[in-house]
Each structure stands twice: as C-alpha cells, then as structure tokens.
Protein backbone atom coordinates (compact mmCIF):
# COMPACT_ATOMS: atom_id res chain seq x y z
CA MET A 1 11.40 95.59 68.39
CA ARG A 2 8.42 93.25 68.39
CA ARG A 3 8.73 90.27 70.67
CA ALA A 4 7.25 86.83 71.19
CA TYR A 5 6.79 86.18 74.89
CA SER A 6 6.67 82.78 76.57
CA GLY A 7 3.20 83.88 77.63
CA ALA A 8 0.96 81.21 79.03
CA ALA A 9 3.51 78.61 78.37
CA VAL A 10 3.69 77.11 81.78
CA ALA A 11 1.33 77.05 84.49
CA LEU A 12 0.68 80.63 84.00
CA ALA A 13 1.50 82.39 87.25
CA MET A 14 4.29 84.20 88.94
CA LEU A 15 2.38 81.89 90.95
CA VAL A 16 5.47 80.06 91.82
CA CYS A 17 3.45 77.25 93.29
CA SER A 18 2.12 79.02 96.31
CA PRO A 19 -0.02 77.10 98.80
CA VAL A 20 -3.05 77.95 96.78
CA ALA A 21 -3.27 77.47 93.08
CA LEU A 22 -2.17 80.71 91.59
CA ALA A 23 -1.15 81.33 88.06
CA CYS A 24 1.47 83.11 86.04
CA ALA A 25 2.50 83.52 82.48
CA THR A 26 5.88 81.93 82.34
CA CYS A 27 7.43 80.75 85.46
CA GLY A 28 5.55 78.64 87.88
CA CYS A 29 3.42 75.59 88.39
CA THR A 30 -0.30 75.23 88.99
CA LEU A 31 -0.17 72.71 91.81
CA SER A 32 -2.22 73.18 94.94
CA LYS A 33 0.12 72.55 97.84
CA ASP A 34 -1.95 73.67 100.81
CA TRP A 35 -3.78 70.33 100.71
CA LEU A 36 -0.61 68.67 101.97
CA GLY A 37 -0.41 70.57 105.26
CA PRO A 38 -2.75 71.42 108.13
CA GLN A 39 -6.27 71.86 106.81
CA LEU A 40 -9.16 73.91 108.05
CA GLY A 41 -11.08 71.82 110.52
CA SER A 42 -7.92 70.08 111.80
CA ALA A 43 -5.72 71.04 114.74
CA SER A 44 -4.88 74.72 114.96
CA GLY A 45 -1.31 75.86 114.71
CA TRP A 46 1.63 77.22 112.76
CA ALA A 47 3.53 75.61 109.91
CA VAL A 48 6.56 76.68 107.90
CA GLY A 49 7.93 75.22 104.72
CA VAL A 50 10.08 75.55 101.66
CA SER A 51 9.36 74.31 98.13
CA TYR A 52 11.48 74.02 95.00
CA ASP A 53 10.06 74.03 91.48
CA PHE A 54 12.04 73.25 88.33
CA LEU A 55 10.78 73.85 84.81
CA ASP A 56 12.62 73.96 81.52
CA GLN A 57 10.63 75.68 78.77
CA ASN A 58 12.43 74.43 75.68
CA GLN A 59 9.60 73.26 73.42
CA MET A 60 8.41 75.83 70.87
CA ARG A 61 4.68 75.66 70.33
CA THR A 62 1.97 77.41 68.35
CA GLY A 63 -1.63 76.70 69.27
CA ARG A 64 -1.79 72.98 70.07
CA THR A 65 1.20 72.00 67.90
CA ASP A 66 4.88 71.53 68.78
CA ILE A 67 7.18 73.19 66.22
CA ASP A 68 10.91 73.49 65.57
CA GLN A 69 13.01 76.66 65.53
CA ALA A 70 12.88 77.08 61.76
CA THR A 71 9.08 76.96 61.79
CA ALA A 72 8.94 79.45 64.66
CA GLU A 73 11.18 81.84 62.75
CA ARG A 74 8.96 81.58 59.65
CA ILE A 75 5.81 82.27 61.66
CA LEU A 76 7.23 85.20 63.63
CA ASN A 77 9.20 86.73 60.78
CA PRO A 78 7.32 86.07 57.53
CA SER A 79 8.68 87.10 54.15
CA GLY A 80 9.43 90.80 54.01
CA HIS A 81 9.57 91.27 57.79
CA THR A 82 12.32 91.03 60.42
CA GLY A 83 12.49 91.97 64.07
CA ASN A 84 10.13 89.64 65.93
CA GLU A 85 12.03 87.99 68.77
CA VAL A 86 12.31 84.20 68.73
CA GLU A 87 12.69 82.78 72.23
CA LEU A 88 14.84 79.66 72.52
CA GLN A 89 14.73 78.53 76.17
CA THR A 90 13.55 79.67 79.59
CA LEU A 91 14.91 77.64 82.52
CA SER A 92 13.39 78.55 85.90
CA ARG A 93 14.27 77.35 89.40
CA ILE A 94 11.93 78.78 92.03
CA THR A 95 12.42 78.41 95.79
CA THR A 96 9.46 79.53 97.88
CA PHE A 97 9.49 80.08 101.64
CA GLY A 98 6.12 80.01 103.35
CA ALA A 99 4.45 80.30 106.73
CA ASP A 100 0.83 79.70 107.59
CA TYR A 101 -1.51 79.58 110.57
CA ASN A 102 -4.70 77.53 110.58
CA THR A 103 -7.62 77.23 112.98
CA ALA A 104 -10.77 75.15 112.76
CA ASP A 105 -12.47 77.82 110.64
CA TRP A 106 -9.86 79.98 108.91
CA GLY A 107 -6.23 80.16 107.86
CA VAL A 108 -3.70 82.69 106.65
CA SER A 109 -0.58 82.04 104.58
CA VAL A 110 2.39 84.11 103.40
CA GLN A 111 4.68 82.98 100.57
CA VAL A 112 7.93 84.60 99.48
CA PRO A 113 9.57 83.19 96.32
CA PHE A 114 13.12 83.53 95.05
CA VAL A 115 13.61 83.10 91.31
CA ASN A 116 16.63 81.82 89.41
CA ARG A 117 16.08 82.10 85.68
CA TYR A 118 18.15 81.58 82.53
CA HIS A 119 16.67 82.79 79.24
CA THR A 120 18.04 82.74 75.69
CA THR A 121 16.59 84.41 72.63
CA LEU A 122 17.20 85.57 69.07
CA GLN A 123 16.39 89.17 69.84
CA ASP A 124 15.73 90.30 66.25
CA GLY A 125 14.70 86.88 64.98
CA THR A 126 18.14 86.05 63.53
CA GLN A 127 21.26 84.29 64.82
CA ALA A 128 23.07 87.65 64.83
CA GLY A 129 20.67 88.82 67.53
CA TYR A 130 21.42 86.00 70.00
CA ASN A 131 21.04 87.31 73.56
CA PHE A 132 20.70 85.84 77.03
CA ASN A 133 19.75 86.73 80.59
CA GLN A 134 20.42 85.08 83.93
CA PHE A 135 19.39 86.35 87.34
CA ASN A 136 18.68 85.45 90.97
CA ALA A 137 16.04 87.71 92.51
CA LEU A 138 13.20 88.03 94.95
CA GLY A 139 9.81 87.22 93.42
CA ASP A 140 6.36 88.65 94.09
CA ALA A 141 5.11 87.80 97.60
CA ARG A 142 1.58 86.64 98.32
CA VAL A 143 -0.74 86.81 101.31
CA ILE A 144 -3.67 84.37 101.25
CA VAL A 145 -6.65 83.97 103.60
CA LYS A 146 -8.97 80.95 103.66
CA ILE A 147 -12.31 81.09 105.47
CA GLY A 148 -14.46 78.00 105.97
CA LEU A 149 -18.21 78.32 105.47
CA SER A 150 -18.54 77.04 109.04
CA ALA A 151 -17.03 80.32 110.27
CA VAL A 152 -20.12 82.19 109.08
CA GLY A 153 -22.65 79.54 110.00
CA LEU A 154 -23.23 78.27 106.45
CA ALA A 155 -21.83 74.77 106.98
CA ALA A 156 -21.29 72.27 109.77
CA ASP A 157 -17.54 72.01 109.09
CA ALA A 158 -14.76 73.75 107.18
CA SER A 159 -14.62 71.34 104.24
CA SER A 160 -15.75 74.17 101.96
CA GLY A 161 -14.99 77.85 101.95
CA ALA A 162 -13.62 80.94 100.26
CA ILE A 163 -10.12 82.07 99.32
CA ALA A 164 -9.01 85.70 99.14
CA GLY A 165 -5.61 87.26 98.87
CA VAL A 166 -3.24 89.67 97.22
CA LYS A 167 -0.05 89.37 95.17
CA LEU A 168 2.32 92.21 95.97
CA PRO A 169 4.83 93.87 93.58
CA THR A 170 7.88 92.98 95.70
CA ALA A 171 10.07 91.75 92.82
CA PRO A 172 12.25 93.80 90.46
CA THR A 173 10.98 94.42 86.93
CA ASP A 174 14.10 95.89 85.28
CA GLU A 175 16.44 92.92 84.82
CA PRO A 176 18.67 93.54 81.75
CA PHE A 177 19.90 91.12 79.14
CA ASN A 178 23.50 90.00 79.74
CA GLY A 179 24.40 89.52 76.11
CA ALA A 180 26.06 91.98 73.75
CA ALA A 181 22.73 93.09 72.28
CA GLY A 182 21.66 94.46 75.68
CA GLY A 183 18.20 95.81 76.48
CA ILE A 184 15.66 95.00 79.20
CA VAL A 185 14.17 91.53 79.54
CA ASP A 186 10.54 91.19 78.46
CA PRO A 187 7.96 92.00 81.20
CA SER A 188 6.58 88.45 81.29
CA LEU A 189 10.09 87.09 82.03
CA GLN A 190 11.00 89.48 84.83
CA PRO A 191 11.19 88.24 88.46
CA GLY A 192 7.85 90.02 89.05
CA THR A 193 5.01 91.53 87.07
CA GLY A 194 5.09 94.92 88.79
CA SER A 195 1.37 94.58 89.46
CA THR A 196 -0.77 94.28 92.56
CA ASP A 197 -3.17 91.39 91.96
CA LEU A 198 -6.41 90.43 93.65
CA LEU A 199 -6.96 86.70 94.28
CA LEU A 200 -10.46 85.29 94.78
CA GLY A 201 -11.69 81.71 94.83
CA GLY A 202 -13.07 78.80 96.76
CA PHE A 203 -12.42 75.20 97.79
CA TYR A 204 -14.32 72.04 98.65
CA SER A 205 -12.89 68.82 100.08
CA GLY A 206 -14.16 65.50 101.33
CA GLY A 207 -13.53 61.78 101.53
CA TRP A 208 -14.92 58.48 100.31
CA LYS A 209 -13.79 55.21 101.88
CA LYS A 210 -9.98 55.29 101.64
CA LEU A 211 -9.83 58.26 99.29
CA GLY A 212 -9.58 61.94 100.16
CA TRP A 213 -10.38 64.52 97.48
CA PHE A 214 -10.49 68.26 96.93
CA THR A 215 -11.42 70.84 94.31
CA GLN A 216 -10.20 74.42 94.23
CA GLY A 217 -10.64 77.40 91.92
CA LEU A 218 -8.94 80.79 91.85
CA TRP A 219 -9.24 83.98 89.80
CA GLN A 220 -6.27 86.36 89.63
CA HIS A 221 -6.74 89.95 88.43
CA ALA A 222 -4.27 92.85 88.34
CA VAL A 223 -5.87 95.85 90.09
CA ALA A 224 -2.82 98.10 89.75
CA SER A 225 0.12 97.96 87.35
CA GLN A 226 3.40 99.72 86.63
CA ALA A 227 5.34 100.87 83.56
CA GLY A 228 2.47 100.27 81.16
CA TYR A 229 2.39 96.46 81.52
CA ARG A 230 -0.62 94.54 82.81
CA PRO A 231 -0.60 90.72 82.99
CA GLY A 232 -3.73 89.00 81.74
CA ASP A 233 -6.31 87.63 84.14
CA ALA A 234 -5.89 83.97 85.06
CA ILE A 235 -8.38 81.33 86.16
CA THR A 236 -6.97 78.18 87.75
CA VAL A 237 -8.97 75.05 88.63
CA ASN A 238 -7.42 72.13 90.51
CA GLY A 239 -8.72 68.75 91.61
CA GLY A 240 -6.89 66.13 93.63
CA LEU A 241 -7.03 62.66 95.20
CA ARG A 242 -5.00 61.00 97.92
CA TYR A 243 -5.07 57.36 98.99
CA ALA A 244 -4.96 56.80 102.74
CA ASP A 245 -4.24 53.10 103.22
CA MET A 246 -0.49 53.05 103.76
CA GLY A 247 -0.36 53.77 107.47
CA GLN A 248 -0.65 57.49 106.69
CA ALA A 249 3.16 57.69 106.66
CA VAL A 250 3.43 57.47 102.87
CA VAL A 251 0.50 58.70 100.78
CA PRO A 252 0.13 58.54 96.96
CA LEU A 253 -1.23 61.77 95.46
CA LEU A 254 -2.74 62.80 92.15
CA GLN A 255 -3.80 66.21 90.86
CA VAL A 256 -5.36 67.59 87.69
CA ASN A 257 -4.45 71.25 87.07
CA TYR A 258 -6.11 73.54 84.53
CA VAL A 259 -5.38 77.21 83.87
CA HIS A 260 -6.75 79.75 81.42
CA ARG A 261 -4.73 82.93 80.94
CA ASN A 262 -5.92 86.01 79.09
CA THR A 263 -3.50 87.92 76.89
CA ASP A 264 -1.29 90.57 78.48
CA SER A 265 -1.89 94.23 77.68
CA GLY A 266 -0.16 97.60 77.89
CA ASP A 267 2.51 99.69 76.21
CA LEU A 268 5.24 97.09 76.71
CA VAL A 269 3.27 94.19 75.27
CA ASN A 270 4.06 93.45 71.64
CA VAL A 271 2.20 91.38 69.10
CA ALA A 272 2.99 89.60 65.87
CA PHE A 273 3.12 91.58 62.63
CA ASP A 274 -0.52 90.73 61.90
CA GLY A 275 -1.57 92.05 65.32
CA SER A 276 -2.27 88.62 66.84
CA PRO A 277 -1.41 88.12 70.55
CA LEU A 278 1.69 86.25 71.70
CA THR A 279 0.60 85.65 75.30
CA GLY A 280 -2.23 83.72 76.94
CA GLY A 281 -3.74 80.31 76.42
CA ASP A 282 -5.17 77.19 78.03
CA LEU A 283 -3.16 74.46 79.73
CA LEU A 284 -4.08 71.17 81.41
CA TYR A 285 -1.66 69.08 83.52
CA LEU A 286 -1.79 65.68 85.20
CA ALA A 287 0.41 65.54 88.31
CA PRO A 288 1.14 62.29 90.19
CA GLY A 289 3.00 62.65 93.46
CA ILE A 290 3.70 61.31 96.92
CA SER A 291 3.91 62.68 100.45
CA ALA A 292 5.62 61.25 103.52
CA ARG A 293 5.65 62.00 107.27
CA PHE A 294 8.87 61.73 109.26
CA GLY A 295 7.73 62.54 112.79
CA ALA A 296 8.28 65.62 114.94
CA GLY A 297 5.92 67.53 112.67
CA PHE A 298 8.04 67.12 109.51
CA SER A 299 6.60 66.04 106.17
CA ALA A 300 7.80 66.11 102.56
CA TYR A 301 6.23 65.79 99.14
CA GLY A 302 7.08 65.56 95.48
CA TYR A 303 5.11 65.98 92.24
CA VAL A 304 5.74 65.74 88.51
CA GLN A 305 3.36 67.68 86.24
CA PHE A 306 2.85 66.26 82.75
CA PRO A 307 1.11 68.38 80.09
CA VAL A 308 -2.08 66.79 78.79
CA TYR A 309 -3.35 69.73 76.75
CA GLN A 310 -1.65 72.98 75.73
CA ASP A 311 -3.21 75.61 73.47
CA VAL A 312 -1.19 78.84 73.36
CA ASN A 313 -1.58 82.08 71.43
CA GLY A 314 1.09 82.78 68.84
CA VAL A 315 4.47 81.11 69.37
CA GLN A 316 5.42 80.33 72.97
CA LEU A 317 7.77 78.09 74.93
CA THR A 318 6.33 75.19 76.93
CA PRO A 319 7.86 72.62 79.32
CA LYS A 320 7.73 68.87 78.85
CA GLN A 321 7.49 68.32 82.62
CA ILE A 322 7.45 70.43 85.78
CA TYR A 323 9.09 69.08 88.94
CA SER A 324 8.09 70.19 92.44
CA VAL A 325 9.35 69.10 95.87
CA GLY A 326 8.93 70.55 99.33
CA ILE A 327 9.24 70.05 103.06
CA ARG A 328 7.05 71.35 105.91
CA LYS A 329 7.27 71.59 109.67
CA THR A 330 4.13 71.94 111.79
CA PHE A 331 4.08 73.20 115.37
C-alpha cells in the first residue's frame, strides 16, 4: 500500500523540543529551550527539568495551501487509482526529562522523551479503510555537548561556540495499528526513527541595552538506520529575544524558528502514484513566550508556536499551533 506521511508537517524532529533545536518529521517542536537555563559563561552547576509539548496535526496541506479531506483524497488517489493512505489527524503529547551540567566554557545535556500519540487514517484512501493507532512509549534519547569558543582560546567569553551530539535509537519502531485493518504504523509516526543521528551546529548570543538575544543553527543527519528507513536530513535555525526589565522574575520571550527537512528514503518510504515525495518541506514559526523564576533554583516557561510559513511536499498534516511548557531546577 502506498502511503502519505505527515512528513515535515511539524517542526520536523523526533526532536521533541530538546534543549537544543533539533528537528523531526512529525512530532516535535523547533524551540530552543537551553536559552532559558544556565548558560555557558554563567555559574557552573547541574540542572534538571521536564517539558511538555502538545501539537494537534489536523490541517491537511499540500505545498503552501490548506486543503480539505475531499481535495486530499483526489490528489492522493486520482482517477483510476486507489490505495494511497489519507491521514486524518496526528495528536502528539511529548514529555521530555532532561539533565544538564554547565561550566564557564562547556556544557553537556541528556534528554529522554516519552511520547503519547493518537493517529487516525484512511488506510487505503477510502472510508472503508479507516484505521487508528494510540500508544505511550519511550522516544529517542539525545546527548548534546556545547563548547564555547573561549574554551579553545578563540574568544574572550563563551557567548559563541559549537554544538555536537547524537540521537540514539532508544525508541520502538514497530507500533501496530489498533484498528481492524491492522498493519504497522508508518515509520515517520513511530515513537522513534530507528536511526542513529549526528547533530552538529553552533550558537551565538549577546545583549543590547535591556534586550538579550541569541541565534542557533543545527544540522541533523542519520549515520546509521534500521529496517530500510532513513529520515531525511534536517537543518534548524532559531533566533530569540528576551526583555530584561521586569525585575528578572518575569521575562517576556520571543523566538523565530525555521526548519528545512529533506525527504525520507528507504524501502519503507512510499511516494505518490506519480513518484513525487510525501515527506519533507520548509516551515517557519513565530513563538511568543514567558519565563518566571520562583526562588530556590526553580523556574518555569511557556511558549506558543504559530506557523508563519509552511511549504510541504505532497499532502501532509500540519498543526495550527504548538504549545510548550516546562519547569527547571538548578543546583
């Protein structure tokens, strides 16, 4: 059966909003959250935290245009053809536990996500093929290292530096459909990709009067894959501002998040009848937010990501908003 994946439809990452901007095809956000906690160049120490991300992919889209179900069915199953899957909704709730240690020159972070996902689809493109899946599972863990240019004598402080890390294949990749039609859920909708990914990037931050700002870029590339499925490379670029004139207890935040995702490849990746890809694309989000300190090392934050630009390959599901909240404790 040929299938239409949700592909790049969200912030492209099993990224699950890790403390650096990662990216995944269907189930995460592109926010950079490490800017909220201890930074390189600040006091050394440990921090732990938990974040929760909610996204409901219920808007069918082709290219840069929102479409309805009837249009999606016509595109995916043109006259004389049947069998292309038409996805209806993907609802993801992702809880990520993290721990990090920072010094004046370098930092290391570990993130472990847990994924709750509900997905509905017309498995053969018709109402008779209605199928669904719901699961709670461990996601793909990540280990990230940040090194300030000051650590190698290239800068006077750690306001700029490099990011390197790895995404590990810790999540299951064989979740089945729960409906009567059965079968295995598409690779891009599994708790994990089954791949080991290399993460490389950099960051730069600074301040001007009462504003703090940062930029951050990251490239994600699968260096090893399983079961014939390889997620497409992703490039994520984030920029952010924070306003520091409210006693530092409550701080308004704003981010701009962009991600480009290449198409997936491998034996388990299907395409439309004309051979065109059904994964990958370009997405741009604007994310206002707020952070607050509560004393004793506790802080919390919240963001809402609004899509500004979405250009996806084939027919994919996109969210109208992405909600993210979290709490941290520094030691």
